Amino acid sequence: MNRSSSSFIAYARPFVNGEITHYLRDKGFLISVPGRLRELHARGQKLLRQGIAADRIPKQLGLTPERWAEIAAACSVRVVAMAMETQETDQTSCSSLSSPLM
């Protein structure tokens, strides 16, 4: 590997990683969850990791328990899919990135 290709890799790797991270942040939800709700969910998850009891999270965030349950349910559904060509029928199907490739 020569010097110019290694400097390109040093530039490209963080750039590509950042683009993938931004794509997954913006498009990685099966349903479109507003940013404010994703932020509340992240704050609630942080409180859980700090040892706050789950039943106290809504009060800490200034939410009703029902609203917190809605936010948690919406933010827990994440699907990242990509289109794949099937060779037999030439149709496009979606497959999860977590499923094994054949």
N, C-alpha and C. Protein backbone atom coordinates (compact mmCIF):
# COMPACT_ATOMS: atom_id res chain seq x y z
N MET A 1 0.86 -1.17 0.00
CA MET A 1 0.00 0.00 0.00
C MET A 1 0.90 1.24 0.00
N ASN A 2 0.69 2.09 -0.95
CA ASN A 2 1.53 3.28 -1.00
C ASN A 2 0.96 4.40 -0.13
N ARG A 3 1.71 5.46 -0.03
CA ARG A 3 1.35 6.55 0.86
C ARG A 3 0.02 7.21 0.49
N SER A 4 -0.24 7.41 -0.79
CA SER A 4 -1.47 8.10 -1.19
C SER A 4 -2.72 7.27 -0.89
N SER A 5 -2.64 5.95 -1.06
CA SER A 5 -3.81 5.13 -0.75
C SER A 5 -4.04 5.04 0.75
N SER A 6 -2.98 5.03 1.56
CA SER A 6 -3.17 4.97 3.01
C SER A 6 -3.74 6.28 3.54
N SER A 7 -3.36 7.40 2.93
CA SER A 7 -3.94 8.67 3.38
C SER A 7 -5.40 8.78 2.96
N PHE A 8 -5.74 8.19 1.81
CA PHE A 8 -7.15 8.18 1.41
C PHE A 8 -7.97 7.34 2.39
N ILE A 9 -7.45 6.19 2.77
CA ILE A 9 -8.17 5.34 3.73
C ILE A 9 -8.33 6.05 5.06
N ALA A 10 -7.31 6.76 5.48
CA ALA A 10 -7.40 7.51 6.74
C ALA A 10 -8.49 8.57 6.67
N TYR A 11 -8.72 9.13 5.50
CA TYR A 11 -9.79 10.12 5.31
C TYR A 11 -11.14 9.44 5.12
N ALA A 12 -11.18 8.39 4.30
CA ALA A 12 -12.45 7.78 3.89
C ALA A 12 -13.13 7.01 5.02
N ARG A 13 -12.36 6.29 5.82
CA ARG A 13 -12.97 5.43 6.85
C ARG A 13 -13.85 6.22 7.82
N PRO A 14 -13.38 7.30 8.45
CA PRO A 14 -14.26 8.05 9.36
C PRO A 14 -15.42 8.71 8.62
N PHE A 15 -15.18 9.14 7.39
CA PHE A 15 -16.24 9.77 6.61
C PHE A 15 -17.36 8.78 6.33
N VAL A 16 -17.01 7.58 5.87
CA VAL A 16 -18.00 6.56 5.56
C VAL A 16 -18.71 6.11 6.84
N ASN A 17 -17.96 5.90 7.91
CA ASN A 17 -18.59 5.51 9.18
C ASN A 17 -19.59 6.55 9.65
N GLY A 18 -19.23 7.83 9.51
CA GLY A 18 -20.15 8.90 9.90
C GLY A 18 -21.40 8.92 9.04
N GLU A 19 -21.25 8.72 7.74
CA GLU A 19 -22.41 8.69 6.85
C GLU A 19 -23.34 7.53 7.18
N ILE A 20 -22.78 6.37 7.46
CA ILE A 20 -23.60 5.21 7.83
C ILE A 20 -24.31 5.48 9.15
N THR A 21 -23.61 6.03 10.11
CA THR A 21 -24.23 6.35 11.40
C THR A 21 -25.38 7.33 11.24
N HIS A 22 -25.19 8.37 10.43
CA HIS A 22 -26.26 9.35 10.21
C HIS A 22 -27.44 8.71 9.48
N TYR A 23 -27.18 7.85 8.51
CA TYR A 23 -28.26 7.18 7.80
C TYR A 23 -29.07 6.32 8.76
N LEU A 24 -28.41 5.53 9.58
CA LEU A 24 -29.13 4.67 10.52
C LEU A 24 -29.89 5.49 11.55
N ARG A 25 -29.32 6.61 11.97
CA ARG A 25 -30.02 7.48 12.91
C ARG A 25 -31.30 8.04 12.30
N ASP A 26 -31.21 8.45 11.04
CA ASP A 26 -32.34 9.12 10.40
C ASP A 26 -33.34 8.16 9.77
N LYS A 27 -32.90 7.02 9.27
CA LYS A 27 -33.77 6.13 8.51
C LYS A 27 -33.92 4.74 9.12
N GLY A 28 -33.32 4.50 10.26
CA GLY A 28 -33.27 3.16 10.82
C GLY A 28 -34.52 2.71 11.55
N PHE A 29 -35.53 3.54 11.64
CA PHE A 29 -36.75 3.17 12.34
C PHE A 29 -37.80 2.69 11.35
N LEU A 30 -38.53 1.64 11.70
CA LEU A 30 -39.60 1.13 10.86
C LEU A 30 -40.68 2.19 10.68
N ILE A 31 -40.98 2.89 11.76
CA ILE A 31 -41.91 4.01 11.69
C ILE A 31 -41.13 5.28 11.94
N SER A 32 -41.61 6.37 11.44
CA SER A 32 -40.91 7.63 11.62
C SER A 32 -41.21 8.17 13.02
N VAL A 33 -40.19 8.17 13.86
CA VAL A 33 -40.33 8.66 15.23
C VAL A 33 -39.70 10.05 15.28
N PRO A 34 -40.46 11.06 15.70
CA PRO A 34 -39.90 12.41 15.77
C PRO A 34 -38.65 12.46 16.66
N GLY A 35 -37.75 13.33 16.30
CA GLY A 35 -36.49 13.45 17.03
C GLY A 35 -36.68 13.74 18.50
N ARG A 36 -37.67 14.54 18.85
CA ARG A 36 -37.92 14.87 20.26
C ARG A 36 -38.26 13.61 21.06
N LEU A 37 -39.05 12.71 20.45
CA LEU A 37 -39.41 11.47 21.15
C LEU A 37 -38.21 10.53 21.25
N ARG A 38 -37.38 10.49 20.20
CA ARG A 38 -36.16 9.67 20.27
C ARG A 38 -35.23 10.19 21.36
N GLU A 39 -35.18 11.52 21.51
CA GLU A 39 -34.35 12.12 22.55
C GLU A 39 -34.88 11.75 23.94
N LEU A 40 -36.19 11.83 24.12
CA LEU A 40 -36.78 11.44 25.41
C LEU A 40 -36.51 9.97 25.71
N HIS A 41 -36.61 9.12 24.70
CA HIS A 41 -36.34 7.70 24.90
C HIS A 41 -34.89 7.48 25.29
N ALA A 42 -33.97 8.18 24.64
CA ALA A 42 -32.55 8.05 24.98
C ALA A 42 -32.29 8.52 26.42
N ARG A 43 -32.94 9.60 26.81
CA ARG A 43 -32.78 10.09 28.18
C ARG A 43 -33.33 9.08 29.18
N GLY A 44 -34.48 8.47 28.84
CA GLY A 44 -35.06 7.44 29.71
C GLY A 44 -34.17 6.22 29.83
N GLN A 45 -33.57 5.80 28.71
CA GLN A 45 -32.66 4.66 28.74
C GLN A 45 -31.42 4.96 29.58
N LYS A 46 -30.95 6.19 29.50
CA LYS A 46 -29.80 6.60 30.30
C LYS A 46 -30.14 6.53 31.80
N LEU A 47 -31.35 7.00 32.14
CA LEU A 47 -31.78 6.93 33.54
C LEU A 47 -31.88 5.49 34.02
N LEU A 48 -32.36 4.60 33.15
CA LEU A 48 -32.44 3.18 33.52
C LEU A 48 -31.03 2.62 33.78
N ARG A 49 -30.08 2.98 32.93
CA ARG A 49 -28.71 2.50 33.12
C ARG A 49 -28.10 3.05 34.40
N GLN A 50 -28.57 4.22 34.84
CA GLN A 50 -28.07 4.81 36.09
C GLN A 50 -28.70 4.18 37.32
N GLY A 51 -29.67 3.28 37.12
CA GLY A 51 -30.28 2.58 38.23
C GLY A 51 -31.61 3.14 38.70
N ILE A 52 -32.16 4.12 38.00
CA ILE A 52 -33.47 4.65 38.36
C ILE A 52 -34.53 3.58 38.06
N ALA A 53 -35.48 3.41 38.96
CA ALA A 53 -36.54 2.41 38.77
C ALA A 53 -37.38 2.75 37.54
N ALA A 54 -37.78 1.73 36.82
CA ALA A 54 -38.53 1.93 35.56
C ALA A 54 -39.83 2.68 35.78
N ASP A 55 -40.48 2.48 36.92
CA ASP A 55 -41.75 3.17 37.15
C ASP A 55 -41.57 4.66 37.49
N ARG A 56 -40.32 5.07 37.78
CA ARG A 56 -40.06 6.48 38.09
C ARG A 56 -39.59 7.28 36.86
N ILE A 57 -39.29 6.60 35.78
CA ILE A 57 -38.76 7.26 34.57
C ILE A 57 -39.75 8.30 34.02
N PRO A 58 -41.03 7.96 33.84
CA PRO A 58 -41.94 8.97 33.27
C PRO A 58 -41.99 10.25 34.10
N LYS A 59 -42.01 10.12 35.42
CA LYS A 59 -42.06 11.30 36.28
C LYS A 59 -40.79 12.13 36.14
N GLN A 60 -39.64 11.46 36.06
CA GLN A 60 -38.36 12.15 35.89
C GLN A 60 -38.33 12.95 34.59
N LEU A 61 -38.99 12.41 33.54
CA LEU A 61 -39.00 13.07 32.23
C LEU A 61 -40.18 14.02 32.06
N GLY A 62 -41.06 14.08 33.05
CA GLY A 62 -42.22 14.96 32.96
C GLY A 62 -43.30 14.43 32.03
N LEU A 63 -43.46 13.11 31.98
CA LEU A 63 -44.43 12.46 31.10
C LEU A 63 -45.41 11.64 31.91
N THR A 64 -46.55 11.33 31.30
CA THR A 64 -47.47 10.38 31.92
C THR A 64 -46.93 8.97 31.64
N PRO A 65 -47.28 8.01 32.48
CA PRO A 65 -46.83 6.64 32.22
C PRO A 65 -47.31 6.10 30.86
N GLU A 66 -48.52 6.52 30.45
CA GLU A 66 -49.05 6.07 29.16
C GLU A 66 -48.22 6.62 28.00
N ARG A 67 -47.86 7.90 28.10
CA ARG A 67 -47.07 8.53 27.04
C ARG A 67 -45.68 7.90 26.97
N TRP A 68 -45.07 7.62 28.14
CA TRP A 68 -43.77 6.97 28.16
C TRP A 68 -43.86 5.58 27.52
N ALA A 69 -44.93 4.86 27.79
CA ALA A 69 -45.11 3.53 27.19
C ALA A 69 -45.20 3.64 25.66
N GLU A 70 -45.92 4.66 25.15
CA GLU A 70 -46.02 4.87 23.70
C GLU A 70 -44.65 5.16 23.10
N ILE A 71 -43.89 6.04 23.76
CA ILE A 71 -42.56 6.40 23.26
C ILE A 71 -41.64 5.19 23.27
N ALA A 72 -41.66 4.43 24.35
CA ALA A 72 -40.80 3.25 24.45
C ALA A 72 -41.17 2.22 23.39
N ALA A 73 -42.45 2.04 23.14
CA ALA A 73 -42.89 1.08 22.12
C ALA A 73 -42.47 1.53 20.73
N ALA A 74 -42.63 2.81 20.44
CA ALA A 74 -42.28 3.32 19.11
C ALA A 74 -40.78 3.25 18.87
N CYS A 75 -40.00 3.55 19.88
CA CYS A 75 -38.54 3.57 19.72
C CYS A 75 -37.91 2.19 19.80
N SER A 76 -38.64 1.21 20.27
CA SER A 76 -38.06 -0.13 20.38
C SER A 76 -38.17 -0.90 19.07
N VAL A 77 -38.97 -0.43 18.12
CA VAL A 77 -39.13 -1.10 16.84
C VAL A 77 -38.14 -0.49 15.86
N ARG A 78 -37.05 -1.21 15.59
CA ARG A 78 -36.04 -0.74 14.64
C ARG A 78 -35.82 -1.83 13.60
N VAL A 79 -35.88 -1.44 12.37
CA VAL A 79 -35.62 -2.37 11.28
C VAL A 79 -34.72 -1.67 10.29
N VAL A 80 -33.64 -2.30 9.96
CA VAL A 80 -32.77 -1.79 8.91
C VAL A 80 -32.81 -2.85 7.82
N ALA A 81 -33.27 -2.45 6.66
CA ALA A 81 -33.40 -3.41 5.56
C ALA A 81 -32.73 -2.86 4.32
N MET A 82 -32.37 -3.78 3.44
CA MET A 82 -31.81 -3.36 2.17
C MET A 82 -32.44 -4.19 1.07
N ALA A 83 -32.53 -3.62 -0.11
CA ALA A 83 -33.11 -4.33 -1.24
C ALA A 83 -32.11 -5.35 -1.76
N MET A 84 -32.64 -6.52 -2.11
CA MET A 84 -31.79 -7.57 -2.66
C MET A 84 -32.46 -8.13 -3.90
N GLU A 85 -31.71 -8.36 -4.94
CA GLU A 85 -32.23 -8.96 -6.15
C GLU A 85 -32.30 -10.47 -5.96
N THR A 86 -33.42 -11.07 -6.30
CA THR A 86 -33.52 -12.52 -6.29
C THR A 86 -33.22 -13.01 -7.69
N GLN A 87 -32.42 -14.04 -7.80
CA GLN A 87 -31.98 -14.51 -9.10
C GLN A 87 -33.07 -15.26 -9.85
N GLU A 88 -33.95 -15.96 -9.15
CA GLU A 88 -34.94 -16.78 -9.81
C GLU A 88 -35.99 -15.97 -10.56
N THR A 89 -36.50 -14.91 -9.93
CA THR A 89 -37.63 -14.19 -10.51
C THR A 89 -37.32 -12.75 -10.87
N ASP A 90 -36.09 -12.29 -10.60
CA ASP A 90 -35.71 -10.90 -10.84
C ASP A 90 -36.60 -9.91 -10.11
N GLN A 91 -37.11 -10.28 -8.94
CA GLN A 91 -37.91 -9.38 -8.12
C GLN A 91 -37.03 -8.86 -7.00
N THR A 92 -37.38 -7.71 -6.50
CA THR A 92 -36.63 -7.13 -5.38
C THR A 92 -37.35 -7.47 -4.09
N SER A 93 -36.60 -7.91 -3.11
CA SER A 93 -37.17 -8.20 -1.80
C SER A 93 -36.31 -7.51 -0.76
N CYS A 94 -36.83 -7.38 0.45
CA CYS A 94 -36.07 -6.76 1.53
C CYS A 94 -35.61 -7.83 2.49
N SER A 95 -34.43 -7.64 2.97
CA SER A 95 -33.85 -8.57 3.93
C SER A 95 -33.19 -7.77 5.03
N SER A 96 -33.31 -8.23 6.25
CA SER A 96 -32.68 -7.54 7.36
C SER A 96 -31.17 -7.68 7.26
N LEU A 97 -30.46 -6.65 7.67
CA LEU A 97 -29.00 -6.74 7.66
C LEU A 97 -28.48 -7.72 8.70
N SER A 98 -29.32 -8.06 9.67
CA SER A 98 -28.88 -8.99 10.70
C SER A 98 -29.08 -10.45 10.28
N SER A 99 -29.81 -10.70 9.19
CA SER A 99 -30.00 -12.08 8.75
C SER A 99 -28.80 -12.52 7.94
N PRO A 100 -28.49 -13.82 7.95
CA PRO A 100 -27.31 -14.29 7.22
C PRO A 100 -27.52 -14.19 5.71
N LEU A 101 -26.45 -13.88 5.01
CA LEU A 101 -26.50 -13.83 3.55
C LEU A 101 -26.28 -15.24 3.00
N MET A 102 -26.91 -15.54 1.89
CA MET A 102 -26.74 -16.85 1.29
C MET A 102 -25.67 -16.84 0.25
